[in-house]
Protein backbone atom coordinates (compact mmCIF):
# COMPACT_ATOMS: atom_id res chain seq x y z
CA MET A 1 0.39 -0.09 -0.16
CA LYS A 2 1.20 3.46 -0.73
CA ASN A 3 2.85 5.54 2.22
CA ASN A 4 1.00 8.34 0.81
CA ILE A 5 -2.63 7.79 2.54
CA LEU A 6 -3.74 8.86 6.00
CA PHE A 7 -6.64 7.41 7.31
CA LEU A 8 -9.53 9.66 9.68
CA LYS A 9 -11.20 10.11 12.74
CA PRO A 10 -14.09 12.21 12.77
CA TYR A 11 -14.00 15.36 15.85
CA LEU A 12 -17.75 14.91 16.51
CA VAL A 13 -19.90 17.40 17.51
CA LYS A 14 -23.49 17.42 19.76
CA LYS A 15 -25.94 19.84 18.31
CA THR A 16 -29.36 20.77 19.47
CA TRP A 17 -30.69 20.15 15.96
CA GLY A 18 -28.74 16.74 14.94
CA GLY A 19 -29.93 12.73 14.83
CA HIS A 20 -28.33 9.49 14.80
CA ASN A 21 -27.85 9.12 10.92
CA LEU A 22 -24.77 9.23 11.05
CA GLN A 23 -24.50 6.16 11.62
CA ASN A 24 -24.74 5.05 8.20
CA TYR A 25 -21.51 6.64 7.37
CA GLY A 26 -19.43 4.21 10.45
CA ILE A 27 -19.96 7.17 12.78
CA SER A 28 -21.27 6.04 16.18
CA SER A 29 -23.44 8.02 17.07
CA SER A 30 -24.73 8.92 20.37
CA ASP A 31 -28.08 11.75 20.49
CA ASN A 32 -28.14 14.80 19.54
CA LEU A 33 -24.56 14.13 17.11
CA GLY A 34 -24.80 17.33 14.66
CA GLU A 35 -21.65 17.33 12.36
CA ALA A 36 -18.87 15.32 12.35
CA TRP A 37 -15.73 17.11 11.65
CA ILE A 38 -14.01 14.23 9.43
CA ILE A 39 -11.17 16.21 8.22
CA SER A 40 -10.31 19.21 10.12
CA GLY A 41 -6.93 20.05 11.32
CA ILE A 42 -8.78 22.99 13.34
CA GLU A 43 -7.23 22.83 17.05
CA GLY A 44 -8.82 21.92 19.70
CA LYS A 45 -11.07 20.33 17.27
CA SER A 46 -8.94 18.20 14.94
CA SER A 47 -9.64 14.95 13.11
CA ILE A 48 -6.91 12.06 14.25
CA ILE A 49 -5.20 10.11 11.41
CA LEU A 50 -5.77 6.27 11.81
CA ASN A 51 -2.59 4.97 10.89
CA GLU A 52 -0.61 3.14 13.07
CA GLU A 53 2.62 5.09 12.21
CA HIS A 54 1.42 8.15 12.92
CA ASN A 55 0.18 6.40 16.64
CA ASN A 56 -3.72 9.32 16.75
CA THR A 57 -1.13 12.26 15.27
CA THR A 58 -4.07 15.28 15.37
CA LEU A 59 -4.22 16.17 11.54
CA PHE A 60 -3.82 20.44 12.61
CA ASP A 61 -0.13 18.89 13.98
CA PHE A 62 0.81 16.46 11.40
CA TYR A 63 0.32 19.31 8.50
CA GLN A 64 2.32 21.69 10.48
CA ASP A 65 5.14 19.08 10.90
CA HIS A 66 5.01 17.78 7.32
CA ARG A 67 4.16 20.73 4.59
CA ALA A 68 6.03 18.57 2.36
CA PHE A 69 2.92 16.05 1.99
CA PHE A 70 0.77 18.96 1.71
CA ASN A 71 2.91 20.66 -1.98
CA TYR A 72 4.06 23.17 0.61
CA HIS A 73 1.29 25.08 0.70
CA GLU A 74 1.05 28.70 2.41
CA SER A 75 -1.35 28.87 5.13
CA LYS A 76 -0.10 28.46 8.10
CA HIS A 77 -2.98 26.48 9.45
CA TYR A 78 -4.91 23.63 7.67
CA PRO A 79 -6.93 25.72 5.08
CA LEU A 80 -9.55 23.43 4.23
CA LEU A 81 -12.44 21.66 6.47
CA VAL A 82 -15.13 18.74 5.64
CA LYS A 83 -18.12 18.51 7.57
CA LEU A 84 -20.68 15.76 7.68
CA LEU A 85 -23.79 17.01 8.84
CA ASP A 86 -27.64 15.61 9.91
CA CYS A 87 -30.05 18.30 10.17
CA GLN A 88 -32.88 16.88 12.04
CA GLU A 89 -34.40 20.69 12.89
CA ASP A 90 -33.57 24.18 11.61
CA LEU A 91 -30.49 25.27 11.63
CA SER A 92 -30.13 28.79 12.44
CA ILE A 93 -30.32 31.35 9.24
CA GLN A 94 -26.45 32.36 9.26
CA VAL A 95 -24.00 34.70 7.24
CA HIS A 96 -19.75 33.98 7.10
CA PRO A 97 -17.26 36.39 7.78
CA THR A 98 -16.34 37.72 3.71
CA ILE A 99 -13.03 38.19 2.93
CA ASP A 100 -12.66 42.16 3.88
CA TYR A 101 -14.38 41.68 7.04
CA ALA A 102 -12.02 38.95 8.34
CA ASN A 103 -9.13 40.84 7.00
CA SER A 104 -9.80 43.82 8.98
CA HIS A 105 -10.91 41.95 12.41
CA LYS A 106 -8.46 40.11 14.46
CA ASN A 107 -8.44 36.32 14.57
CA VAL A 108 -11.92 35.99 12.18
CA LEU A 109 -11.17 33.87 9.59
CA PRO A 110 -13.05 34.60 5.70
CA LYS A 111 -15.60 31.74 4.75
CA SER A 112 -17.18 29.77 1.65
CA GLU A 113 -18.50 26.73 1.60
CA ALA A 114 -20.31 23.93 -0.48
CA TRP A 115 -23.42 21.89 0.41
CA TYR A 116 -23.62 18.42 -1.03
CA ILE A 117 -26.61 17.20 -0.46
CA LEU A 118 -26.50 13.22 0.58
CA ASP A 119 -29.75 12.32 1.57
CA ALA A 120 -33.49 14.96 1.31
CA LYS A 121 -36.35 14.11 2.68
CA THR A 122 -39.50 14.85 0.63
CA ASN A 123 -40.25 18.84 0.24
CA ALA A 124 -36.58 19.25 2.54
CA GLN A 125 -35.63 23.23 1.97
CA ILE A 126 -32.44 25.27 2.39
CA VAL A 127 -32.91 29.16 3.31
CA TYR A 128 -30.13 30.47 0.04
CA GLY A 129 -29.85 34.32 -0.16
CA HIS A 130 -32.14 36.92 0.53
CA LYS A 131 -34.59 38.94 -1.25
CA ALA A 132 -33.75 42.82 -0.92
CA GLN A 133 -32.27 44.76 -3.21
CA THR A 134 -30.57 47.33 -1.24
CA LYS A 135 -29.00 47.63 2.43
CA ASP A 136 -31.82 50.18 3.72
CA GLU A 137 -34.34 47.19 2.66
CA LEU A 138 -32.61 44.50 4.54
CA ILE A 139 -32.39 46.36 7.48
CA SER A 140 -35.84 46.86 7.71
CA LEU A 141 -37.02 43.65 6.49
CA VAL A 142 -34.88 42.37 9.38
CA HIS A 143 -35.47 44.79 11.97
CA ASP A 144 -39.09 43.83 11.62
CA LYS A 145 -38.74 39.97 11.33
CA LYS A 146 -40.64 39.67 7.95
CA TRP A 147 -38.45 36.17 7.42
CA GLU A 148 -40.67 35.29 4.96
CA LYS A 149 -40.58 37.66 3.14
CA LEU A 150 -36.82 38.59 3.36
CA LEU A 151 -35.33 34.91 2.31
CA ASN A 152 -35.49 32.40 -0.15
CA PHE A 153 -36.15 29.22 0.29
CA VAL A 154 -35.34 26.72 -2.32
CA SER A 155 -36.05 23.23 -2.69
CA VAL A 156 -33.70 20.14 -2.53
CA ARG A 157 -33.21 16.94 -3.44
CA LYS A 158 -30.33 13.88 -2.97
CA GLN A 159 -27.28 14.72 -5.15
CA ASP A 160 -27.95 18.56 -5.49
CA LEU A 161 -25.10 20.67 -4.84
CA PHE A 162 -24.73 24.05 -3.24
CA TYR A 163 -21.84 26.83 -3.83
CA VAL A 164 -22.47 29.55 -0.88
CA PRO A 165 -19.92 32.38 -1.19
CA SER A 166 -19.13 34.15 2.42
CA GLY A 167 -21.74 37.04 3.07
CA THR A 168 -24.47 34.82 1.62
CA VAL A 169 -27.48 34.23 4.03
CA HIS A 170 -28.00 31.05 4.20
CA ALA A 171 -29.42 28.19 5.90
CA LEU A 172 -29.95 24.23 6.13
CA LYS A 173 -33.29 22.92 7.44
CA LYS A 174 -34.93 19.61 8.82
CA GLY A 175 -34.49 16.25 6.87
CA LEU A 176 -31.28 16.42 5.42
CA VAL A 177 -28.18 15.12 5.38
CA ILE A 178 -25.34 16.96 4.02
CA LEU A 179 -21.50 16.84 3.21
CA GLU A 180 -20.06 20.34 3.61
CA ILE A 181 -17.28 21.14 2.27
CA GLN A 182 -15.20 25.07 3.07
CA GLN A 183 -12.55 26.68 3.79
CA SER A 184 -11.58 26.04 7.54
CA SER A 185 -13.25 28.77 9.86
CA ASP A 186 -15.51 28.00 13.01
CA THR A 187 -16.26 31.35 12.56
CA THR A 188 -20.35 31.99 12.08
CA PHE A 189 -22.60 34.45 12.35
CA ARG A 190 -26.45 34.23 12.92
CA LEU A 191 -28.63 36.63 12.35
CA TYR A 192 -32.28 34.61 13.22
CA ASP A 193 -32.89 31.30 15.40
CA TYR A 194 -36.21 30.90 15.13
CA GLU A 195 -36.73 32.65 18.83
CA ARG A 196 -34.61 29.52 20.43
CA ASN A 197 -33.24 29.90 23.66
CA GLN A 198 -30.12 32.40 22.89
CA LYS A 199 -28.91 32.16 25.47
CA ASP A 200 -25.78 29.83 24.33
CA ARG A 201 -27.11 30.03 20.95
CA PRO A 202 -26.63 34.35 20.83
CA LEU A 203 -27.62 36.19 17.72
CA ASN A 204 -24.54 38.31 15.42
CA ILE A 205 -26.95 40.15 14.08
CA HIS A 206 -24.51 43.82 13.86
CA GLU A 207 -21.50 41.63 12.29
CA SER A 208 -24.11 39.58 9.92
CA MET A 209 -25.28 43.12 8.53
CA GLU A 210 -21.65 44.18 7.86
CA ASN A 211 -21.02 41.10 5.99
CA ILE A 212 -24.34 40.24 4.16
CA ASN A 213 -23.78 41.13 0.17
CA VAL A 214 -26.91 42.88 -1.51
CA PRO A 215 -28.14 42.12 -3.30
CA PHE A 216 -27.68 38.68 -3.69
CA VAL A 217 -26.63 37.44 -6.55
CA GLN A 218 -26.65 33.75 -7.30
CA PRO A 219 -23.45 31.92 -7.41
CA LYS A 220 -22.56 30.12 -10.84
CA LEU A 221 -21.47 26.56 -10.80
CA GLU A 222 -18.41 27.07 -12.16
CA HIS A 223 -16.02 23.80 -13.24
CA GLU A 224 -13.17 23.06 -14.97
CA ASN A 225 -12.97 19.40 -16.58
CA ASP A 226 -15.15 16.91 -14.80
CA GLU A 227 -15.25 18.55 -11.33
CA LEU A 228 -18.85 19.17 -10.42
CA LEU A 229 -17.35 22.54 -9.21
CA THR A 230 -14.22 25.16 -9.58
CA THR A 231 -14.34 27.77 -6.69
CA PRO A 232 -11.04 29.95 -5.71
CA PHE A 233 -10.17 28.16 -2.78
CA PHE A 234 -11.03 24.60 -3.31
CA SER A 235 -12.55 22.33 -6.27
CA ILE A 236 -14.91 19.30 -5.70
CA LYS A 237 -14.65 16.31 -7.89
CA GLU A 238 -17.22 13.25 -7.98
CA ILE A 239 -15.44 9.51 -8.95
CA LYS A 240 -18.47 6.64 -9.58
CA ASN A 241 -15.85 3.18 -9.28
CA ASP A 242 -17.21 0.09 -10.72
CA GLY A 243 -14.17 -2.52 -11.38
CA THR A 244 -10.25 -1.82 -11.42
CA ASN A 245 -9.31 1.66 -11.95
CA SER A 246 -6.50 4.38 -11.88
CA TYR A 247 -6.95 7.90 -11.44
CA ASP A 248 -4.62 10.39 -11.37
CA LEU A 249 -5.61 14.09 -9.96
CA SER A 250 -2.41 15.45 -9.67
CA TYR A 251 -3.52 19.02 -10.42
CA GLY A 252 -4.57 19.22 -7.06
CA CYS A 253 -2.44 20.07 -4.12
CA TRP A 254 -3.35 17.08 -2.26
CA LEU A 255 -7.04 15.08 -2.36
CA GLN A 256 -9.56 14.52 0.36
CA CYS A 257 -11.83 12.23 -0.14
CA VAL A 258 -15.44 10.49 1.22
CA VAL A 259 -17.08 7.72 0.12
CA ILE A 260 -20.39 8.47 -0.04
CA GLU A 261 -21.99 5.13 -1.08
CA GLY A 262 -20.70 1.50 -1.65
CA ASN A 263 -17.15 -0.19 -0.71
CA GLY A 264 -14.64 -1.80 -2.44
CA TYR A 265 -10.14 -0.69 -2.40
CA ILE A 266 -8.36 1.82 -2.07
CA GLU A 267 -4.69 0.61 -3.54
CA ASP A 268 -5.32 -3.04 -0.91
CA LYS A 269 -6.87 -0.76 1.67
CA PRO A 270 -10.42 -1.75 1.73
CA ILE A 271 -12.88 1.32 2.27
CA LYS A 272 -16.77 1.73 2.53
CA LYS A 273 -19.48 3.89 2.51
CA GLY A 274 -17.76 6.34 5.63
CA SER A 275 -14.35 6.08 5.11
CA THR A 276 -12.60 8.99 5.05
CA PHE A 277 -8.93 10.00 3.65
CA ILE A 278 -5.70 12.36 2.62
CA ILE A 279 -3.88 11.68 -0.25
CA GLY A 280 -0.26 13.08 0.02
CA ASN A 281 1.25 15.72 -2.73
CA ASN A 282 3.71 13.57 -3.33
CA ASP A 283 2.09 11.04 -5.73
CA LEU A 284 -1.71 11.73 -6.76
CA THR A 285 -2.18 8.72 -8.90
CA PHE A 286 -4.35 5.90 -7.30
CA LYS A 287 -5.94 2.74 -8.15
CA LEU A 288 -9.81 1.79 -6.63
CA ASN A 289 -10.78 -1.49 -6.93
CA GLY A 290 -15.25 -1.68 -6.33
CA LYS A 291 -18.35 -0.13 -6.67
CA LEU A 292 -18.23 2.80 -4.60
CA THR A 293 -18.78 6.76 -5.42
CA LEU A 294 -16.04 8.92 -4.01
CA ILE A 295 -16.46 13.08 -3.05
CA VAL A 296 -12.86 14.45 -3.44
CA SER A 297 -11.96 17.56 -2.65
CA TYR A 298 -8.48 19.22 -3.12
CA ILE A 299 -6.85 22.96 -3.83
CA ARG A 300 -5.69 22.83 -7.22
CA ARG A 301 -2.14 23.76 -7.69
């Protein structure tokens, strides 16, 4: 087996809106498991490397100590974050920091993300953008709590993909299981939370208003070659493998891989639905055997 494949154990986060559906991805679930940070290099919230030779090293530490593995990427900290989310209730209406806001505020990182819908109940929806045409209109609708008039509600189904650039008003709603790929930032501003208890989940209306893009312009799903999505921050590719096939993704700095369906092998190592691994920069060619689907994310060279 190649020695540049790292298998990962997730960092788990309970949420009031979580459930038990992540068990379908091999993640042992307690009550209200909302998020599994399956590829995380955030200090204190890092994934753990399972390979015996790395002795339960965190991805946070590994990134610091093995920069060649990541093509000597310029980011001081691991730049991407991948999560699985089980949304049994509506999540709060949110906005993430823009680049301009992050540059002018200490300890704030920008966050753009993408959602791949792994499962969706009938009539499932997301909040995706808003209808205000001016900042004054936005302020008025928020002040008067006219959320139905302000927000865009979009119906979704399994295998849909959405790009959510920073500054976009958004929310996942109940009945969804999501694979989320994003810039590595743990900063979220809550605009509205359905009048739920704000003691542990305070609103950030002022910060939200500073970051919301007005008017909302729905982003086009740009892509190069056979990618699902190409953004300035990461790209996403889907691999549907049947049988034995070789792949060359050497245009990435390194590869983040999640098995979302099926089972088989990568090189000589068994993988199944929910398996999560990173392939390092020194050889981005690999062989898959079996019937399985992978979502691969990466930063282009």
